[in-house]
Amino acid sequence: MLGWFHALMPKEERFFELFARHSQVVVAGAEALRAMLEGGEAITRNYQTVMDREQDADDITREVLIAVRRTFITPFDRGNIRDLITSMDNAIDQMQKTAKAIRLFDVTEFTPQMKDMADAIVKCALLVQEATPLLKSISAEAVHISSLTEQISALEGRTDEMHDGGLKALYLKHSASNPMGFIVGNEVYDHLEKVVDRFDDVANVMHGIVIEHV
């Protein structure tokens, strides 16, 4: 009887709007981070954009977590909602850490592999942005959502290869003559890799939601 009652109760549709808004902010942050890696004046010009978008994402995350506590009927499990918005927020938090590291270590030039990794970050963000509205029709869009999450996981795998290849090249270039250059470059590579790892976390949460609801 309780199941019928829940089915008849209107669900809070605002969650989907908040997920969509958050994903848009994440894309903007990813694009600004990628622009920073053009070097020169682009670093300063885009740094503040990353910071601002991270703050916007925090505000939306807070709205979602408050709504979870206050909404009687949620579109899907409360724990899943919290996990999804938290994983999305972790991705842009890691972008902020990356941007801060670039400023802290005064990095002004970036390797082709670093730029390729940043391109992958933008692609992951766009895939998440495409997937979030589909959650509203999760049963009908299950295959589509699963395809998008698989693409994110594939990007994570390719980014690991970019990281390893770039780090090897950096070591060969700097190990003898400029150890600090290697240390700083390694820091940037590590942060970029972690951003993509966080997107893979988002993909895993989404895939888990699909499995539970189909």
N, C-alpha and C. Protein backbone atom coordinates (compact mmCIF):
# COMPACT_ATOMS: atom_id res chain seq x y z
N MET A 1 0.83 -1.21 0.00
CA MET A 1 0.00 0.00 0.00
C MET A 1 0.87 1.26 0.00
N LEU A 2 1.96 1.23 0.75
CA LEU A 2 2.86 2.39 0.81
C LEU A 2 3.45 2.67 -0.57
N GLY A 3 3.73 1.61 -1.34
CA GLY A 3 4.27 1.79 -2.69
C GLY A 3 3.30 2.55 -3.58
N TRP A 4 2.00 2.22 -3.47
CA TRP A 4 1.00 2.94 -4.26
C TRP A 4 0.93 4.40 -3.83
N PHE A 5 1.05 4.64 -2.53
CA PHE A 5 0.99 6.00 -2.00
C PHE A 5 2.14 6.83 -2.57
N HIS A 6 3.34 6.25 -2.57
CA HIS A 6 4.51 6.95 -3.11
C HIS A 6 4.34 7.23 -4.60
N ALA A 7 3.75 6.27 -5.32
CA ALA A 7 3.57 6.44 -6.76
C ALA A 7 2.62 7.59 -7.07
N LEU A 8 1.64 7.81 -6.21
CA LEU A 8 0.66 8.87 -6.44
C LEU A 8 1.15 10.24 -6.00
N MET A 9 2.15 10.29 -5.13
CA MET A 9 2.66 11.57 -4.64
C MET A 9 3.53 12.23 -5.70
N PRO A 10 3.38 13.55 -5.89
CA PRO A 10 4.25 14.25 -6.85
C PRO A 10 5.69 14.25 -6.36
N LYS A 11 6.63 14.03 -7.30
CA LYS A 11 8.03 14.02 -6.94
C LYS A 11 8.64 15.40 -7.16
N GLU A 12 9.69 15.71 -6.46
CA GLU A 12 10.34 17.00 -6.57
C GLU A 12 11.16 17.05 -7.86
N GLU A 13 10.63 17.75 -8.88
CA GLU A 13 11.30 17.82 -10.17
C GLU A 13 12.47 18.80 -10.15
N ARG A 14 12.53 19.63 -9.12
CA ARG A 14 13.56 20.66 -9.06
C ARG A 14 14.97 20.06 -9.02
N PHE A 15 15.10 18.84 -8.55
CA PHE A 15 16.41 18.20 -8.51
C PHE A 15 17.04 18.15 -9.90
N PHE A 16 16.23 17.85 -10.91
CA PHE A 16 16.76 17.73 -12.27
C PHE A 16 17.25 19.08 -12.78
N GLU A 17 16.53 20.14 -12.42
CA GLU A 17 16.95 21.49 -12.80
C GLU A 17 18.29 21.82 -12.14
N LEU A 18 18.43 21.43 -10.88
CA LEU A 18 19.68 21.72 -10.16
C LEU A 18 20.84 20.90 -10.72
N PHE A 19 20.61 19.65 -11.04
CA PHE A 19 21.65 18.84 -11.68
C PHE A 19 22.10 19.48 -12.99
N ALA A 20 21.13 19.94 -13.78
CA ALA A 20 21.46 20.56 -15.07
C ALA A 20 22.26 21.84 -14.87
N ARG A 21 21.83 22.66 -13.93
CA ARG A 21 22.57 23.91 -13.65
C ARG A 21 23.99 23.61 -13.21
N HIS A 22 24.15 22.63 -12.35
CA HIS A 22 25.48 22.28 -11.86
C HIS A 22 26.36 21.80 -13.01
N SER A 23 25.80 20.98 -13.88
CA SER A 23 26.59 20.45 -14.99
C SER A 23 27.03 21.58 -15.93
N GLN A 24 26.19 22.60 -16.10
CA GLN A 24 26.56 23.75 -16.93
C GLN A 24 27.72 24.52 -16.32
N VAL A 25 27.68 24.66 -15.00
CA VAL A 25 28.76 25.34 -14.29
C VAL A 25 30.07 24.55 -14.42
N VAL A 26 29.96 23.22 -14.32
CA VAL A 26 31.15 22.37 -14.45
C VAL A 26 31.76 22.51 -15.84
N VAL A 27 30.94 22.57 -16.87
CA VAL A 27 31.45 22.77 -18.23
C VAL A 27 32.19 24.10 -18.33
N ALA A 28 31.60 25.15 -17.78
CA ALA A 28 32.24 26.47 -17.83
C ALA A 28 33.58 26.45 -17.10
N GLY A 29 33.64 25.76 -15.96
CA GLY A 29 34.89 25.65 -15.23
C GLY A 29 35.94 24.88 -16.01
N ALA A 30 35.51 23.79 -16.66
CA ALA A 30 36.43 22.97 -17.45
C ALA A 30 36.99 23.76 -18.64
N GLU A 31 36.13 24.52 -19.28
CA GLU A 31 36.59 25.32 -20.43
C GLU A 31 37.56 26.40 -20.00
N ALA A 32 37.32 26.99 -18.84
CA ALA A 32 38.24 28.02 -18.33
C ALA A 32 39.58 27.41 -17.95
N LEU A 33 39.56 26.22 -17.34
CA LEU A 33 40.81 25.54 -17.00
C LEU A 33 41.59 25.21 -18.27
N ARG A 34 40.90 24.72 -19.28
CA ARG A 34 41.59 24.43 -20.54
C ARG A 34 42.20 25.69 -21.13
N ALA A 35 41.48 26.80 -21.05
CA ALA A 35 41.99 28.06 -21.58
C ALA A 35 43.24 28.52 -20.84
N MET A 36 43.30 28.23 -19.54
CA MET A 36 44.49 28.58 -18.76
C MET A 36 45.74 27.94 -19.34
N LEU A 37 45.59 26.73 -19.87
CA LEU A 37 46.75 25.99 -20.36
C LEU A 37 47.28 26.51 -21.69
N GLU A 38 46.68 27.57 -22.21
CA GLU A 38 47.26 28.25 -23.36
C GLU A 38 48.45 29.10 -22.91
N GLY A 39 48.55 29.33 -21.60
CA GLY A 39 49.70 30.05 -21.05
C GLY A 39 49.58 31.56 -21.19
N GLY A 40 50.60 32.24 -20.73
CA GLY A 40 50.65 33.70 -20.84
C GLY A 40 49.51 34.38 -20.12
N GLU A 41 48.93 35.39 -20.77
CA GLU A 41 47.85 36.16 -20.16
C GLU A 41 46.60 35.33 -19.93
N ALA A 42 46.46 34.25 -20.68
CA ALA A 42 45.27 33.40 -20.53
C ALA A 42 45.18 32.80 -19.14
N ILE A 43 46.33 32.64 -18.47
CA ILE A 43 46.31 32.06 -17.13
C ILE A 43 45.55 32.96 -16.17
N THR A 44 45.96 34.21 -16.09
CA THR A 44 45.31 35.16 -15.18
C THR A 44 43.87 35.41 -15.58
N ARG A 45 43.64 35.52 -16.87
CA ARG A 45 42.30 35.86 -17.37
C ARG A 45 41.29 34.78 -17.03
N ASN A 46 41.69 33.53 -17.06
CA ASN A 46 40.75 32.43 -16.84
C ASN A 46 40.78 31.85 -15.43
N TYR A 47 41.81 32.17 -14.68
CA TYR A 47 41.92 31.66 -13.31
C TYR A 47 40.70 32.05 -12.48
N GLN A 48 40.32 33.32 -12.55
CA GLN A 48 39.21 33.78 -11.72
C GLN A 48 37.90 33.14 -12.16
N THR A 49 37.78 32.83 -13.43
CA THR A 49 36.58 32.14 -13.91
C THR A 49 36.44 30.77 -13.26
N VAL A 50 37.56 30.04 -13.17
CA VAL A 50 37.53 28.74 -12.51
C VAL A 50 37.09 28.90 -11.06
N MET A 51 37.66 29.91 -10.37
CA MET A 51 37.30 30.14 -8.97
C MET A 51 35.81 30.47 -8.83
N ASP A 52 35.32 31.34 -9.70
CA ASP A 52 33.92 31.77 -9.61
C ASP A 52 32.96 30.61 -9.90
N ARG A 53 33.29 29.81 -10.91
CA ARG A 53 32.40 28.69 -11.24
C ARG A 53 32.41 27.65 -10.13
N GLU A 54 33.55 27.47 -9.47
CA GLU A 54 33.60 26.52 -8.35
C GLU A 54 32.68 27.00 -7.22
N GLN A 55 32.65 28.31 -6.99
CA GLN A 55 31.76 28.84 -5.96
C GLN A 55 30.30 28.66 -6.36
N ASP A 56 29.99 28.89 -7.65
CA ASP A 56 28.63 28.65 -8.14
C ASP A 56 28.22 27.20 -7.91
N ALA A 57 29.15 26.29 -8.20
CA ALA A 57 28.86 24.86 -8.04
C ALA A 57 28.60 24.53 -6.57
N ASP A 58 29.37 25.12 -5.68
CA ASP A 58 29.16 24.90 -4.24
C ASP A 58 27.76 25.35 -3.82
N ASP A 59 27.34 26.50 -4.36
CA ASP A 59 26.01 27.03 -4.01
C ASP A 59 24.90 26.08 -4.47
N ILE A 60 25.05 25.54 -5.67
CA ILE A 60 24.03 24.62 -6.19
C ILE A 60 24.04 23.31 -5.39
N THR A 61 25.23 22.83 -5.06
CA THR A 61 25.34 21.62 -4.26
C THR A 61 24.64 21.80 -2.92
N ARG A 62 24.82 22.95 -2.33
CA ARG A 62 24.16 23.24 -1.06
C ARG A 62 22.64 23.20 -1.22
N GLU A 63 22.14 23.77 -2.31
CA GLU A 63 20.70 23.74 -2.57
C GLU A 63 20.18 22.30 -2.67
N VAL A 64 20.93 21.47 -3.36
CA VAL A 64 20.51 20.07 -3.52
C VAL A 64 20.47 19.37 -2.18
N LEU A 65 21.51 19.53 -1.37
CA LEU A 65 21.58 18.84 -0.09
C LEU A 65 20.48 19.31 0.86
N ILE A 66 20.14 20.59 0.80
CA ILE A 66 19.03 21.10 1.61
C ILE A 66 17.71 20.52 1.12
N ALA A 67 17.54 20.47 -0.21
CA ALA A 67 16.31 19.93 -0.79
C ALA A 67 16.12 18.46 -0.45
N VAL A 68 17.22 17.71 -0.40
CA VAL A 68 17.14 16.29 -0.04
C VAL A 68 16.54 16.13 1.35
N ARG A 69 16.94 17.01 2.27
CA ARG A 69 16.44 16.91 3.65
C ARG A 69 14.98 17.36 3.76
N ARG A 70 14.57 18.28 2.91
CA ARG A 70 13.25 18.89 3.07
C ARG A 70 12.17 18.28 2.19
N THR A 71 12.56 17.50 1.19
CA THR A 71 11.58 16.96 0.23
C THR A 71 11.08 15.60 0.70
N PHE A 72 9.75 15.45 0.70
CA PHE A 72 9.16 14.20 1.19
C PHE A 72 9.39 13.07 0.20
N ILE A 73 9.12 13.33 -1.08
CA ILE A 73 9.31 12.33 -2.12
C ILE A 73 10.38 12.82 -3.09
N THR A 74 11.44 12.07 -3.24
CA THR A 74 12.53 12.44 -4.15
C THR A 74 12.47 11.58 -5.41
N PRO A 75 13.03 12.06 -6.53
CA PRO A 75 12.96 11.31 -7.79
C PRO A 75 13.58 9.93 -7.71
N PHE A 76 14.67 9.83 -6.96
CA PHE A 76 15.26 8.52 -6.68
C PHE A 76 15.93 8.58 -5.33
N ASP A 77 16.55 7.50 -4.93
CA ASP A 77 17.07 7.35 -3.57
C ASP A 77 17.87 8.57 -3.11
N ARG A 78 17.62 9.01 -1.88
CA ARG A 78 18.29 10.20 -1.35
C ARG A 78 19.81 10.04 -1.35
N GLY A 79 20.27 8.84 -1.01
CA GLY A 79 21.71 8.59 -1.00
C GLY A 79 22.30 8.75 -2.39
N ASN A 80 21.58 8.30 -3.41
CA ASN A 80 22.04 8.45 -4.79
C ASN A 80 22.12 9.92 -5.20
N ILE A 81 21.12 10.70 -4.77
CA ILE A 81 21.12 12.12 -5.08
C ILE A 81 22.34 12.79 -4.45
N ARG A 82 22.57 12.47 -3.19
CA ARG A 82 23.74 13.06 -2.51
C ARG A 82 25.05 12.63 -3.17
N ASP A 83 25.14 11.35 -3.51
CA ASP A 83 26.37 10.84 -4.14
C ASP A 83 26.61 11.51 -5.49
N LEU A 84 25.54 11.71 -6.25
CA LEU A 84 25.69 12.28 -7.59
C LEU A 84 26.15 13.73 -7.51
N ILE A 85 25.46 14.54 -6.73
CA ILE A 85 25.83 15.96 -6.69
C ILE A 85 27.20 16.15 -6.04
N THR A 86 27.53 15.28 -5.07
CA THR A 86 28.84 15.38 -4.43
C THR A 86 29.96 15.00 -5.40
N SER A 87 29.74 13.97 -6.18
CA SER A 87 30.77 13.57 -7.15
C SER A 87 30.95 14.63 -8.23
N MET A 88 29.86 15.24 -8.67
CA MET A 88 29.95 16.34 -9.64
C MET A 88 30.70 17.51 -9.06
N ASP A 89 30.41 17.81 -7.80
CA ASP A 89 31.08 18.94 -7.14
C ASP A 89 32.56 18.64 -6.92
N ASN A 90 32.89 17.39 -6.64
CA ASN A 90 34.30 17.02 -6.45
C ASN A 90 35.11 17.27 -7.72
N ALA A 91 34.47 17.11 -8.89
CA ALA A 91 35.16 17.32 -10.16
C ALA A 91 35.58 18.77 -10.30
N ILE A 92 34.68 19.70 -10.02
CA ILE A 92 35.05 21.10 -10.18
C ILE A 92 35.92 21.58 -9.01
N ASP A 93 35.78 20.96 -7.85
CA ASP A 93 36.71 21.25 -6.75
C ASP A 93 38.14 20.92 -7.16
N GLN A 94 38.31 19.79 -7.86
CA GLN A 94 39.64 19.39 -8.30
C GLN A 94 40.15 20.32 -9.41
N MET A 95 39.25 20.84 -10.22
CA MET A 95 39.67 21.85 -11.21
C MET A 95 40.22 23.07 -10.49
N GLN A 96 39.54 23.47 -9.43
CA GLN A 96 40.02 24.63 -8.67
C GLN A 96 41.40 24.36 -8.09
N LYS A 97 41.61 23.18 -7.56
CA LYS A 97 42.93 22.83 -7.02
C LYS A 97 44.00 22.86 -8.11
N THR A 98 43.63 22.43 -9.30
CA THR A 98 44.57 22.44 -10.42
C THR A 98 44.95 23.87 -10.78
N ALA A 99 43.94 24.73 -10.88
CA ALA A 99 44.19 26.13 -11.22
C ALA A 99 45.05 26.80 -10.15
N LYS A 100 44.79 26.48 -8.89
CA LYS A 100 45.58 27.06 -7.80
C LYS A 100 47.03 26.59 -7.87
N ALA A 101 47.23 25.32 -8.20
CA ALA A 101 48.60 24.80 -8.31
C ALA A 101 49.37 25.50 -9.43
N ILE A 102 48.69 25.76 -10.53
CA ILE A 102 49.33 26.46 -11.65
C ILE A 102 49.78 27.85 -11.22
N ARG A 103 48.92 28.54 -10.48
CA ARG A 103 49.28 29.88 -10.00
C ARG A 103 50.36 29.81 -8.92
N LEU A 104 50.23 28.85 -8.01
CA LEU A 104 51.16 28.74 -6.90
C LEU A 104 52.58 28.49 -7.38
N PHE A 105 52.73 27.59 -8.36
CA PHE A 105 54.06 27.25 -8.87
C PHE A 105 54.48 28.10 -10.07
N ASP A 106 53.66 29.11 -10.38
CA ASP A 106 53.98 30.05 -11.46
C ASP A 106 54.28 29.33 -12.77
N VAL A 107 53.43 28.36 -13.10
CA VAL A 107 53.60 27.62 -14.35
C VAL A 107 53.06 28.49 -15.49
N THR A 108 53.86 28.68 -16.53
CA THR A 108 53.45 29.54 -17.65
C THR A 108 53.43 28.80 -18.99
N GLU A 109 54.05 27.63 -19.03
CA GLU A 109 54.07 26.84 -20.26
C GLU A 109 53.60 25.43 -19.96
N PHE A 110 52.91 24.85 -20.93
CA PHE A 110 52.29 23.54 -20.72
C PHE A 110 52.59 22.63 -21.89
N THR A 111 52.80 21.36 -21.58
CA THR A 111 53.16 20.38 -22.61
C THR A 111 51.94 20.01 -23.44
N PRO A 112 52.16 19.45 -24.63
CA PRO A 112 51.02 18.99 -25.44
C PRO A 112 50.16 17.96 -24.70
N GLN A 113 50.81 17.10 -23.90
CA GLN A 113 50.04 16.09 -23.16
C GLN A 113 49.14 16.73 -22.11
N MET A 114 49.64 17.79 -21.46
CA MET A 114 48.81 18.50 -20.48
C MET A 114 47.58 19.09 -21.17
N LYS A 115 47.78 19.68 -22.34
CA LYS A 115 46.66 20.26 -23.07
C LYS A 115 45.68 19.19 -23.52
N ASP A 116 46.22 18.04 -23.93
CA ASP A 116 45.35 16.93 -24.32
C ASP A 116 44.52 16.45 -23.13
N MET A 117 45.13 16.40 -21.96
CA MET A 117 44.40 15.99 -20.76
C MET A 117 43.31 17.00 -20.43
N ALA A 118 43.62 18.28 -20.60
CA ALA A 118 42.61 19.32 -20.36
C ALA A 118 41.48 19.22 -21.38
N ASP A 119 41.80 18.87 -22.62
CA ASP A 119 40.75 18.63 -23.62
C ASP A 119 39.83 17.49 -23.18
N ALA A 120 40.43 16.45 -22.61
CA ALA A 120 39.64 15.31 -22.12
C ALA A 120 38.73 15.74 -20.97
N ILE A 121 39.21 16.64 -20.14
CA ILE A 121 38.40 17.16 -19.03
C ILE A 121 37.16 17.86 -19.57
N VAL A 122 37.34 18.69 -20.61
CA VAL A 122 36.20 19.38 -21.22
C VAL A 122 35.23 18.36 -21.81
N LYS A 123 35.74 17.34 -22.47
CA LYS A 123 34.87 16.31 -23.06
C LYS A 123 34.07 15.60 -21.97
N CYS A 124 34.73 15.27 -20.86
CA CYS A 124 34.03 14.61 -19.75
C CYS A 124 32.91 15.51 -19.21
N ALA A 125 33.22 16.79 -19.06
CA ALA A 125 32.21 17.73 -18.55
C ALA A 125 31.01 17.81 -19.48
N LEU A 126 31.27 17.83 -20.78
CA LEU A 126 30.17 17.88 -21.76
C LEU A 126 29.33 16.61 -21.74
N LEU A 127 29.98 15.47 -21.53
CA LEU A 127 29.25 14.20 -21.44
C LEU A 127 28.35 14.17 -20.20
N VAL A 128 28.84 14.70 -19.09
CA VAL A 128 28.03 14.78 -17.88
C VAL A 128 26.85 15.72 -18.11
N GLN A 129 27.13 16.84 -18.77
CA GLN A 129 26.05 17.79 -19.08
C GLN A 129 24.98 17.15 -19.96
N GLU A 130 25.38 16.30 -20.88
CA GLU A 130 24.42 15.61 -21.74
C GLU A 130 23.63 14.57 -20.96
N ALA A 131 24.28 13.93 -20.00
CA ALA A 131 23.65 12.83 -19.27
C ALA A 131 22.65 13.30 -18.21
N THR A 132 22.92 14.41 -17.55
CA THR A 132 22.10 14.79 -16.40
C THR A 132 20.62 14.98 -16.73
N PRO A 133 20.25 15.63 -17.85
CA PRO A 133 18.81 15.78 -18.13
C PRO A 133 18.12 14.44 -18.40
N LEU A 134 18.89 13.46 -18.84
CA LEU A 134 18.31 12.16 -19.17
C LEU A 134 17.84 11.41 -17.93
N LEU A 135 18.36 11.79 -16.75
CA LEU A 135 17.96 11.12 -15.52
C LEU A 135 16.48 11.30 -15.23
N LYS A 136 15.89 12.35 -15.81
CA LYS A 136 14.46 12.60 -15.60
C LYS A 136 13.61 11.49 -16.22
N SER A 137 14.14 10.87 -17.27
CA SER A 137 13.45 9.75 -17.93
C SER A 137 14.36 8.54 -17.91
N ILE A 138 14.76 8.16 -16.71
CA ILE A 138 15.84 7.19 -16.55
C ILE A 138 15.53 5.83 -17.18
N SER A 139 14.30 5.38 -17.11
CA SER A 139 13.97 4.08 -17.70
C SER A 139 14.09 4.10 -19.21
N ALA A 140 13.56 5.14 -19.82
CA ALA A 140 13.59 5.25 -21.27
C ALA A 140 14.99 5.56 -21.80
N GLU A 141 15.79 6.25 -20.99
CA GLU A 141 17.11 6.72 -21.43
C GLU A 141 18.26 5.90 -20.85
N ALA A 142 17.95 4.76 -20.28
CA ALA A 142 18.98 3.97 -19.60
C ALA A 142 20.15 3.62 -20.51
N VAL A 143 19.85 3.20 -21.72
CA VAL A 143 20.92 2.81 -22.65
C VAL A 143 21.77 4.02 -23.01
N HIS A 144 21.11 5.14 -23.25
CA HIS A 144 21.83 6.37 -23.61
C HIS A 144 22.75 6.80 -22.46
N ILE A 145 22.21 6.81 -21.24
CA ILE A 145 23.01 7.21 -20.08
C ILE A 145 24.21 6.27 -19.92
N SER A 146 23.97 4.98 -20.04
CA SER A 146 25.05 4.00 -19.90
C SER A 146 26.14 4.22 -20.95
N SER A 147 25.73 4.56 -22.16
CA SER A 147 26.70 4.85 -23.23
C SER A 147 27.56 6.05 -22.88
N LEU A 148 26.94 7.09 -22.33
CA LEU A 148 27.69 8.29 -21.96
C LEU A 148 28.67 8.00 -20.83
N THR A 149 28.24 7.21 -19.86
CA THR A 149 29.14 6.89 -18.74
C THR A 149 30.31 6.03 -19.22
N GLU A 150 30.05 5.16 -20.18
CA GLU A 150 31.13 4.36 -20.75
C GLU A 150 32.15 5.24 -21.47
N GLN A 151 31.66 6.27 -22.15
CA GLN A 151 32.56 7.18 -22.84
C GLN A 151 33.45 7.94 -21.85
N ILE A 152 32.88 8.32 -20.71
CA ILE A 152 33.67 9.01 -19.69
C ILE A 152 34.75 8.07 -19.15
N SER A 153 34.38 6.83 -18.87
CA SER A 153 35.36 5.87 -18.35
C SER A 153 36.47 5.60 -19.38
N ALA A 154 36.09 5.57 -20.66
CA ALA A 154 37.10 5.37 -21.71
C ALA A 154 38.06 6.56 -21.76
N LEU A 155 37.53 7.76 -21.60
CA LEU A 155 38.38 8.96 -21.57
C LEU A 155 39.34 8.91 -20.38
N GLU A 156 38.85 8.39 -19.26
CA GLU A 156 39.71 8.28 -18.08
C GLU A 156 40.88 7.35 -18.37
N GLY A 157 40.62 6.25 -19.07
CA GLY A 157 41.69 5.33 -19.42
C GLY A 157 42.70 5.96 -20.36
N ARG A 158 42.23 6.69 -21.36
CA ARG A 158 43.14 7.33 -22.30
C ARG A 158 43.94 8.44 -21.63
N THR A 159 43.32 9.10 -20.66
CA THR A 159 44.02 10.17 -19.95
C THR A 159 45.15 9.61 -19.11
N ASP A 160 44.95 8.44 -18.54
CA ASP A 160 46.04 7.79 -17.80
C ASP A 160 47.25 7.58 -18.71
N GLU A 161 46.99 7.20 -19.95
CA GLU A 161 48.08 6.99 -20.90
C GLU A 161 48.77 8.32 -21.24
N MET A 162 47.98 9.37 -21.41
CA MET A 162 48.56 10.69 -21.65
C MET A 162 49.44 11.12 -20.48
N HIS A 163 48.94 10.88 -19.28
CA HIS A 163 49.68 11.22 -18.06
C HIS A 163 51.02 10.51 -18.02
N ASP A 164 51.00 9.21 -18.26
CA ASP A 164 52.23 8.42 -18.16
C ASP A 164 53.23 8.82 -19.24
N GLY A 165 52.73 9.02 -20.47
CA GLY A 165 53.62 9.41 -21.55
C GLY A 165 54.20 10.80 -21.34
N GLY A 166 53.37 11.71 -20.89
CA GLY A 166 53.83 13.07 -20.64
C GLY A 166 54.83 13.13 -19.51
N LEU A 167 54.59 12.36 -18.47
CA LEU A 167 55.49 12.35 -17.32
C LEU A 167 56.85 11.78 -17.69
N LYS A 168 56.84 10.74 -18.53
CA LYS A 168 58.10 10.16 -18.99
C LYS A 168 58.90 11.17 -19.79
N ALA A 169 58.23 11.88 -20.70
CA ALA A 169 58.91 12.89 -21.51
C ALA A 169 59.44 14.01 -20.63
N LEU A 170 58.67 14.39 -19.63
CA LEU A 170 59.08 15.46 -18.72
C LEU A 170 60.32 15.04 -17.93
N TYR A 171 60.36 13.79 -17.51
CA TYR A 171 61.52 13.27 -16.76
C TYR A 171 62.77 13.28 -17.63
N LEU A 172 62.63 12.84 -18.86
CA LEU A 172 63.78 12.80 -19.76
C LEU A 172 64.30 14.21 -20.04
N LYS A 173 63.40 15.16 -20.06
CA LYS A 173 63.79 16.54 -20.37
C LYS A 173 64.44 17.24 -19.18
N HIS A 174 63.95 17.00 -17.97
CA HIS A 174 64.34 17.81 -16.83
C HIS A 174 65.15 17.09 -15.74
N SER A 175 65.19 15.77 -15.75
CA SER A 175 65.76 15.05 -14.60
C SER A 175 67.20 15.44 -14.30
N ALA A 176 67.99 15.67 -15.33
CA ALA A 176 69.41 15.98 -15.11
C ALA A 176 69.67 17.46 -14.89
N SER A 177 69.01 18.30 -15.67
CA SER A 177 69.34 19.73 -15.65
C SER A 177 68.40 20.60 -14.84
N ASN A 178 67.15 20.13 -14.64
CA ASN A 178 66.17 20.99 -13.97
C ASN A 178 65.19 20.15 -13.16
N PRO A 179 65.65 19.58 -12.06
CA PRO A 179 64.77 18.71 -11.24
C PRO A 179 63.50 19.43 -10.78
N MET A 180 63.60 20.71 -10.46
CA MET A 180 62.42 21.44 -10.00
C MET A 180 61.38 21.54 -11.12
N GLY A 181 61.84 21.65 -12.36
CA GLY A 181 60.91 21.67 -13.48
C GLY A 181 60.12 20.38 -13.57
N PHE A 182 60.80 19.27 -13.28
CA PHE A 182 60.10 17.99 -13.29
C PHE A 182 59.10 17.92 -12.14
N ILE A 183 59.50 18.37 -10.96
CA ILE A 183 58.61 18.31 -9.79
C ILE A 183 57.35 19.13 -10.02
N VAL A 184 57.53 20.34 -10.55
CA VAL A 184 56.38 21.21 -10.79
C VAL A 184 55.48 20.62 -11.89
N GLY A 185 56.10 20.14 -12.95
CA GLY A 185 55.32 19.54 -14.03
C GLY A 185 54.55 18.32 -13.56
N ASN A 186 55.19 17.52 -12.74
CA ASN A 186 54.54 16.34 -12.17
C ASN A 186 53.31 16.74 -11.36
N GLU A 187 53.40 17.85 -10.63
CA GLU A 187 52.27 18.33 -9.84
C GLU A 187 51.08 18.68 -10.75
N VAL A 188 51.37 19.35 -11.85
CA VAL A 188 50.29 19.71 -12.79
C VAL A 188 49.67 18.46 -13.39
N TYR A 189 50.51 17.52 -13.82
CA TYR A 189 50.00 16.27 -14.38
C TYR A 189 49.11 15.55 -13.36
N ASP A 190 49.56 15.50 -12.12
CA ASP A 190 48.82 14.80 -11.08
C ASP A 190 47.43 15.41 -10.88
N HIS A 191 47.37 16.74 -10.84
CA HIS A 191 46.09 17.41 -10.66
C HIS A 191 45.16 17.17 -11.84
N LEU A 192 45.68 17.27 -13.04
CA LEU A 192 44.85 17.05 -14.23
C LEU A 192 44.29 15.62 -14.25
N GLU A 193 45.12 14.67 -13.89
CA GLU A 193 44.66 13.28 -13.84
C GLU A 193 43.55 13.11 -12.82
N LYS A 194 43.68 13.77 -11.69
CA LYS A 194 42.66 13.64 -10.64
C LYS A 194 41.33 14.24 -11.06
N VAL A 195 41.36 15.29 -11.89
CA VAL A 195 40.09 15.84 -12.37
C VAL A 195 39.33 14.78 -13.17
N VAL A 196 40.03 14.12 -14.07
CA VAL A 196 39.38 13.09 -14.89
C VAL A 196 38.93 11.91 -14.01
N ASP A 197 39.71 11.59 -13.00
CA ASP A 197 39.30 10.53 -12.06
C ASP A 197 37.98 10.89 -11.38
N ARG A 198 37.82 12.16 -11.04
CA ARG A 198 36.57 12.59 -10.39
C ARG A 198 35.39 12.47 -11.35
N PHE A 199 35.62 12.75 -12.64
CA PHE A 199 34.55 12.54 -13.61
C PHE A 199 34.20 11.07 -13.75
N ASP A 200 35.19 10.22 -13.65
CA ASP A 200 34.93 8.78 -13.68
C ASP A 200 34.06 8.38 -12.49
N ASP A 201 34.28 9.03 -11.35
CA ASP A 201 33.42 8.79 -10.18
C ASP A 201 31.97 9.17 -10.49
N VAL A 202 31.79 10.31 -11.17
CA VAL A 202 30.44 10.73 -11.57
C VAL A 202 29.80 9.66 -12.45
N ALA A 203 30.57 9.17 -13.42
CA ALA A 203 30.06 8.15 -14.33
C ALA A 203 29.66 6.90 -13.57
N ASN A 204 30.45 6.50 -12.59
CA ASN A 204 30.14 5.31 -11.81
C ASN A 204 28.86 5.49 -11.00
N VAL A 205 28.67 6.68 -10.43
CA VAL A 205 27.45 6.94 -9.66
C VAL A 205 26.24 6.89 -10.58
N MET A 206 26.34 7.54 -11.73
CA MET A 206 25.22 7.52 -12.69
C MET A 206 24.89 6.11 -13.14
N HIS A 207 25.92 5.34 -13.43
CA HIS A 207 25.70 3.96 -13.87
C HIS A 207 25.02 3.15 -12.77
N GLY A 208 25.42 3.39 -11.53
CA GLY A 208 24.78 2.69 -10.41
C GLY A 208 23.32 3.06 -10.28
N ILE A 209 22.99 4.34 -10.50
CA ILE A 209 21.59 4.78 -10.43
C ILE A 209 20.76 4.08 -11.51
N VAL A 210 21.34 3.99 -12.71
CA VAL A 210 20.64 3.32 -13.82
C VAL A 210 20.36 1.86 -13.46
N ILE A 211 21.34 1.18 -12.92
CA ILE A 211 21.16 -0.24 -12.56
C ILE A 211 20.05 -0.41 -11.54
N GLU A 212 19.96 0.52 -10.59
CA GLU A 212 18.96 0.40 -9.54
C GLU A 212 17.54 0.68 -10.03
N HIS A 213 17.43 1.45 -11.12
CA HIS A 213 16.10 1.92 -11.53
C HIS A 213 15.60 1.34 -12.83
N VAL A 214 16.34 0.40 -13.40
CA VAL A 214 15.88 -0.19 -14.66
C VAL A 214 15.63 -1.69 -14.46
